[in-house]
N, C-alpha and C. Protein backbone atom coordinates (compact mmCIF):
# COMPACT_ATOMS: atom_id res chain seq x y z
N MET A 1 -4.06 -3.28 44.76
CA MET A 1 -3.97 -1.85 44.53
C MET A 1 -3.41 -1.64 43.12
N SER A 2 -3.98 -0.68 42.41
CA SER A 2 -3.51 -0.43 41.05
C SER A 2 -2.17 0.30 41.08
N ALA A 3 -1.44 0.18 39.99
CA ALA A 3 -0.10 0.77 39.91
C ALA A 3 -0.14 2.29 40.00
N TRP A 4 -1.13 2.92 39.38
CA TRP A 4 -1.17 4.39 39.43
C TRP A 4 -1.53 4.88 40.82
N LYS A 5 -2.36 4.16 41.55
CA LYS A 5 -2.67 4.54 42.93
C LYS A 5 -1.43 4.40 43.81
N ASP A 6 -0.69 3.32 43.57
CA ASP A 6 0.54 3.11 44.33
C ASP A 6 1.54 4.24 44.07
N LEU A 7 1.65 4.65 42.80
CA LEU A 7 2.55 5.76 42.47
C LEU A 7 2.10 7.03 43.18
N GLU A 8 0.80 7.33 43.16
CA GLU A 8 0.30 8.51 43.85
C GLU A 8 0.62 8.44 45.35
N ARG A 9 0.46 7.28 45.95
CA ARG A 9 0.76 7.12 47.39
C ARG A 9 2.24 7.35 47.67
N ARG A 10 3.11 6.78 46.83
CA ARG A 10 4.55 6.95 47.02
C ARG A 10 4.97 8.41 46.87
N VAL A 11 4.41 9.09 45.88
CA VAL A 11 4.73 10.50 45.66
C VAL A 11 4.24 11.32 46.85
N ALA A 12 3.01 11.08 47.27
CA ALA A 12 2.46 11.82 48.41
C ALA A 12 3.31 11.63 49.65
N ARG A 13 3.69 10.38 49.92
CA ARG A 13 4.52 10.09 51.09
C ARG A 13 5.86 10.81 51.01
N ALA A 14 6.48 10.80 49.84
CA ALA A 14 7.78 11.45 49.66
C ALA A 14 7.69 12.97 49.86
N LEU A 15 6.54 13.55 49.54
CA LEU A 15 6.35 15.00 49.68
C LEU A 15 5.83 15.39 51.05
N GLY A 16 5.48 14.41 51.87
CA GLY A 16 4.96 14.69 53.20
C GLY A 16 3.47 14.99 53.22
N GLY A 17 2.77 14.55 52.16
CA GLY A 17 1.33 14.78 52.08
C GLY A 17 0.58 13.46 52.04
N GLU A 18 -0.65 13.52 51.55
CA GLU A 18 -1.49 12.33 51.42
C GLU A 18 -2.10 12.29 50.03
N ARG A 19 -2.35 11.08 49.58
CA ARG A 19 -3.04 10.90 48.30
C ARG A 19 -4.46 11.42 48.45
N ALA A 20 -4.90 12.21 47.49
CA ALA A 20 -6.23 12.82 47.58
C ALA A 20 -7.34 11.81 47.33
N GLY A 21 -7.06 10.78 46.56
CA GLY A 21 -8.11 9.82 46.24
C GLY A 21 -8.96 10.31 45.10
N PRO A 22 -10.03 9.60 44.80
CA PRO A 22 -10.86 9.97 43.66
C PRO A 22 -11.62 11.27 43.89
N ARG A 23 -11.26 12.28 43.12
CA ARG A 23 -11.93 13.58 43.22
C ARG A 23 -12.39 14.05 41.85
N GLY A 24 -12.48 13.12 40.92
CA GLY A 24 -12.89 13.51 39.58
C GLY A 24 -11.77 14.22 38.86
N ARG A 25 -12.13 15.14 38.02
CA ARG A 25 -11.14 15.85 37.21
C ARG A 25 -10.49 17.00 37.96
N TYR A 26 -11.03 17.37 39.11
CA TYR A 26 -10.58 18.57 39.78
C TYR A 26 -9.84 18.27 41.07
N GLY A 27 -8.81 19.03 41.32
CA GLY A 27 -8.05 18.87 42.55
C GLY A 27 -6.75 18.13 42.34
N SER A 28 -5.78 18.50 43.15
CA SER A 28 -4.47 17.86 43.09
C SER A 28 -4.55 16.40 43.49
N ASP A 29 -3.60 15.62 43.01
CA ASP A 29 -3.53 14.21 43.37
C ASP A 29 -2.95 14.02 44.77
N VAL A 30 -2.25 15.06 45.27
CA VAL A 30 -1.64 15.01 46.59
C VAL A 30 -2.12 16.24 47.36
N VAL A 31 -2.54 16.03 48.60
CA VAL A 31 -2.98 17.14 49.45
C VAL A 31 -2.07 17.24 50.67
N GLY A 32 -2.09 18.42 51.29
CA GLY A 32 -1.29 18.64 52.49
C GLY A 32 0.12 19.10 52.21
N VAL A 33 0.37 19.57 50.98
CA VAL A 33 1.69 20.09 50.61
C VAL A 33 1.50 21.45 49.93
N PRO A 34 2.52 22.31 49.95
CA PRO A 34 2.36 23.65 49.36
C PRO A 34 2.56 23.66 47.84
N LEU A 35 2.08 22.64 47.17
CA LEU A 35 2.19 22.53 45.71
C LEU A 35 0.90 21.92 45.17
N ALA A 36 0.59 22.25 43.94
CA ALA A 36 -0.49 21.57 43.23
C ALA A 36 0.17 20.43 42.47
N VAL A 37 -0.04 19.20 42.92
CA VAL A 37 0.69 18.04 42.41
C VAL A 37 -0.20 17.20 41.50
N GLU A 38 0.29 16.94 40.31
CA GLU A 38 -0.38 16.06 39.35
C GLU A 38 0.54 14.86 39.14
N VAL A 39 0.02 13.65 39.30
CA VAL A 39 0.81 12.44 39.15
C VAL A 39 0.29 11.65 37.95
N LYS A 40 1.21 11.27 37.07
CA LYS A 40 0.85 10.49 35.89
C LYS A 40 1.73 9.25 35.82
N ARG A 41 1.15 8.18 35.33
CA ARG A 41 1.89 6.94 35.12
C ARG A 41 1.69 6.52 33.68
N THR A 42 2.75 6.10 33.03
CA THR A 42 2.67 5.68 31.65
C THR A 42 3.32 4.33 31.46
N VAL A 43 2.79 3.54 30.55
CA VAL A 43 3.37 2.23 30.27
C VAL A 43 4.15 2.26 28.96
N ARG A 44 4.15 3.41 28.30
CA ARG A 44 4.87 3.52 27.04
C ARG A 44 6.37 3.43 27.27
N VAL A 45 7.01 2.64 26.45
CA VAL A 45 8.46 2.50 26.54
C VAL A 45 9.13 3.83 26.18
N THR A 46 8.55 4.53 25.23
CA THR A 46 9.14 5.80 24.82
C THR A 46 8.90 6.88 25.86
N GLY A 47 7.96 6.64 26.75
CA GLY A 47 7.69 7.60 27.82
C GLY A 47 7.30 8.94 27.25
N GLY A 48 8.02 9.93 27.61
CA GLY A 48 7.72 11.27 27.11
C GLY A 48 6.66 11.94 27.96
N ILE A 49 6.81 13.20 28.08
CA ILE A 49 5.87 14.00 28.85
C ILE A 49 4.88 14.60 27.88
N GLN A 50 3.64 14.32 28.09
CA GLN A 50 2.62 14.85 27.20
C GLN A 50 2.31 16.29 27.56
N GLY A 51 2.18 17.10 26.53
CA GLY A 51 1.86 18.51 26.74
C GLY A 51 0.57 18.70 27.52
N ALA A 52 -0.39 17.80 27.30
CA ALA A 52 -1.67 17.90 28.01
C ALA A 52 -1.46 17.72 29.52
N TRP A 53 -0.50 16.89 29.91
CA TRP A 53 -0.23 16.69 31.34
C TRP A 53 0.30 17.98 31.96
N VAL A 54 1.22 18.62 31.24
CA VAL A 54 1.80 19.87 31.74
C VAL A 54 0.72 20.93 31.86
N LYS A 55 -0.11 21.05 30.84
CA LYS A 55 -1.20 22.04 30.87
C LYS A 55 -2.15 21.76 32.03
N GLN A 56 -2.47 20.49 32.28
CA GLN A 56 -3.34 20.14 33.38
C GLN A 56 -2.72 20.56 34.71
N ALA A 57 -1.43 20.29 34.88
CA ALA A 57 -0.74 20.67 36.12
C ALA A 57 -0.72 22.19 36.29
N GLN A 58 -0.46 22.90 35.19
CA GLN A 58 -0.45 24.37 35.25
C GLN A 58 -1.83 24.92 35.63
N ARG A 59 -2.88 24.39 35.02
CA ARG A 59 -4.24 24.83 35.34
C ARG A 59 -4.57 24.57 36.81
N GLN A 60 -4.15 23.39 37.30
CA GLN A 60 -4.42 23.03 38.69
C GLN A 60 -3.69 23.97 39.63
N GLY A 61 -2.46 24.29 39.32
CA GLY A 61 -1.70 25.23 40.14
C GLY A 61 -2.36 26.60 40.19
N LYS A 62 -2.81 27.05 39.03
CA LYS A 62 -3.48 28.35 38.96
C LYS A 62 -4.77 28.33 39.78
N ALA A 63 -5.56 27.26 39.63
CA ALA A 63 -6.83 27.14 40.36
C ALA A 63 -6.61 27.11 41.87
N GLU A 64 -5.51 26.49 42.31
CA GLU A 64 -5.25 26.36 43.74
C GLU A 64 -4.37 27.47 44.29
N GLY A 65 -3.85 28.34 43.40
CA GLY A 65 -2.97 29.41 43.84
C GLY A 65 -1.65 28.90 44.39
N GLN A 66 -1.18 27.78 43.84
CA GLN A 66 0.05 27.13 44.30
C GLN A 66 0.97 26.88 43.11
N PRO A 67 2.27 26.77 43.35
CA PRO A 67 3.15 26.33 42.27
C PRO A 67 2.75 24.91 41.86
N TRP A 68 2.90 24.60 40.58
CA TRP A 68 2.51 23.29 40.09
C TRP A 68 3.70 22.35 40.00
N LEU A 69 3.41 21.07 40.13
CA LEU A 69 4.41 20.02 40.01
C LEU A 69 3.78 18.83 39.31
N LEU A 70 4.43 18.35 38.27
CA LEU A 70 4.00 17.15 37.55
C LEU A 70 5.01 16.05 37.83
N VAL A 71 4.54 14.90 38.29
CA VAL A 71 5.40 13.76 38.55
C VAL A 71 4.97 12.64 37.61
N VAL A 72 5.95 12.12 36.82
CA VAL A 72 5.66 11.09 35.82
C VAL A 72 6.48 9.85 36.14
N GLY A 73 5.78 8.74 36.30
CA GLY A 73 6.43 7.46 36.53
C GLY A 73 6.14 6.53 35.37
N MET A 74 7.17 5.83 34.94
CA MET A 74 7.00 4.86 33.85
C MET A 74 6.76 3.48 34.44
N HIS A 75 6.22 2.60 33.65
CA HIS A 75 5.95 1.23 34.07
C HIS A 75 7.21 0.58 34.61
N GLY A 76 7.15 0.07 35.83
CA GLY A 76 8.28 -0.62 36.44
C GLY A 76 9.39 0.30 36.92
N ASP A 77 9.18 1.59 36.85
CA ASP A 77 10.21 2.56 37.23
C ASP A 77 10.02 2.97 38.68
N ARG A 78 11.07 2.86 39.49
CA ARG A 78 10.98 3.26 40.89
C ARG A 78 11.53 4.66 41.12
N ALA A 79 11.90 5.36 40.03
CA ALA A 79 12.44 6.71 40.15
C ALA A 79 11.71 7.63 39.17
N PRO A 80 10.51 8.10 39.54
CA PRO A 80 9.77 8.98 38.63
C PRO A 80 10.51 10.31 38.44
N ILE A 81 10.10 11.03 37.41
CA ILE A 81 10.71 12.33 37.15
C ILE A 81 9.74 13.43 37.56
N ALA A 82 10.28 14.59 37.86
CA ALA A 82 9.46 15.73 38.26
C ALA A 82 9.65 16.85 37.25
N VAL A 83 8.54 17.51 36.94
CA VAL A 83 8.55 18.64 36.01
C VAL A 83 7.88 19.81 36.72
N CYS A 84 8.53 20.96 36.69
CA CYS A 84 7.94 22.14 37.31
C CYS A 84 8.39 23.37 36.53
N ASP A 85 7.87 24.50 36.92
CA ASP A 85 8.27 25.77 36.33
C ASP A 85 9.75 26.02 36.64
N PHE A 86 10.51 26.48 35.66
CA PHE A 86 11.95 26.68 35.85
C PHE A 86 12.25 27.66 36.98
N LYS A 87 11.43 28.69 37.11
CA LYS A 87 11.63 29.67 38.18
C LYS A 87 11.51 29.00 39.55
N LEU A 88 10.52 28.12 39.71
CA LEU A 88 10.37 27.38 40.97
C LEU A 88 11.58 26.49 41.21
N PHE A 89 12.04 25.80 40.17
CA PHE A 89 13.21 24.95 40.32
C PHE A 89 14.41 25.76 40.82
N CYS A 90 14.67 26.92 40.21
CA CYS A 90 15.80 27.75 40.63
C CYS A 90 15.65 28.21 42.07
N GLU A 91 14.43 28.60 42.44
CA GLU A 91 14.17 29.03 43.80
C GLU A 91 14.46 27.92 44.81
N LEU A 92 13.98 26.72 44.53
CA LEU A 92 14.21 25.59 45.42
C LEU A 92 15.69 25.22 45.49
N ALA A 93 16.36 25.25 44.34
CA ALA A 93 17.79 24.92 44.31
C ALA A 93 18.60 25.95 45.08
N ARG A 94 18.23 27.22 45.00
CA ARG A 94 18.94 28.26 45.77
C ARG A 94 18.70 28.08 47.26
N GLU A 95 17.44 27.81 47.63
CA GLU A 95 17.12 27.62 49.05
C GLU A 95 17.86 26.43 49.64
N SER A 96 18.11 25.42 48.82
CA SER A 96 18.81 24.23 49.32
C SER A 96 20.33 24.40 49.31
N GLY A 97 20.81 25.49 48.74
CA GLY A 97 22.25 25.73 48.68
C GLY A 97 22.92 25.08 47.48
N ARG A 98 22.16 24.52 46.57
CA ARG A 98 22.74 23.88 45.38
C ARG A 98 23.08 24.88 44.28
N LEU A 99 22.47 26.06 44.32
CA LEU A 99 22.78 27.12 43.36
C LEU A 99 23.16 28.36 44.15
N PRO A 100 24.07 29.17 43.62
CA PRO A 100 24.41 30.42 44.32
C PRO A 100 23.24 31.37 44.26
N ASP A 101 23.19 32.26 45.24
CA ASP A 101 22.14 33.28 45.27
C ASP A 101 22.56 34.40 44.32
N VAL A 102 21.89 34.46 43.19
CA VAL A 102 22.25 35.47 42.18
C VAL A 102 21.07 36.41 41.97
N GLN A 103 21.40 37.61 41.55
CA GLN A 103 20.36 38.60 41.23
C GLN A 103 19.86 38.35 39.83
N GLU A 104 18.55 38.37 39.66
CA GLU A 104 17.99 38.22 38.33
C GLU A 104 18.09 39.56 37.62
N PRO A 105 18.36 39.54 36.31
CA PRO A 105 18.49 40.81 35.58
C PRO A 105 17.16 41.57 35.59
N ALA A 106 17.26 42.89 35.66
CA ALA A 106 16.06 43.73 35.65
C ALA A 106 15.39 43.65 34.30
N ALA A 107 14.10 43.65 34.30
CA ALA A 107 13.35 43.54 33.03
C ALA A 107 13.25 44.87 32.34
């Protein structure tokens, strides 16, 4: 099994979904979860999140009508990082009790 497929399987399992498998350029890498999930693996030592990856995840979220999530794993790394919209992060952190429930300022 290739390393990127293994990463997709691990991410899917952790989120309670399934790896979508080969679907071409369209569709989330993980199905069965309330998020549009894009999984990337990089072998670069410097790592870094590529802007194109974020844009791809955002487009996928918009196409699926779901919040987007980008998961990036580095070569040999067993703890990938997650990137999402800051508003979604705050919402999830509040729901989990990690942030106080605060009122957002009126626009």
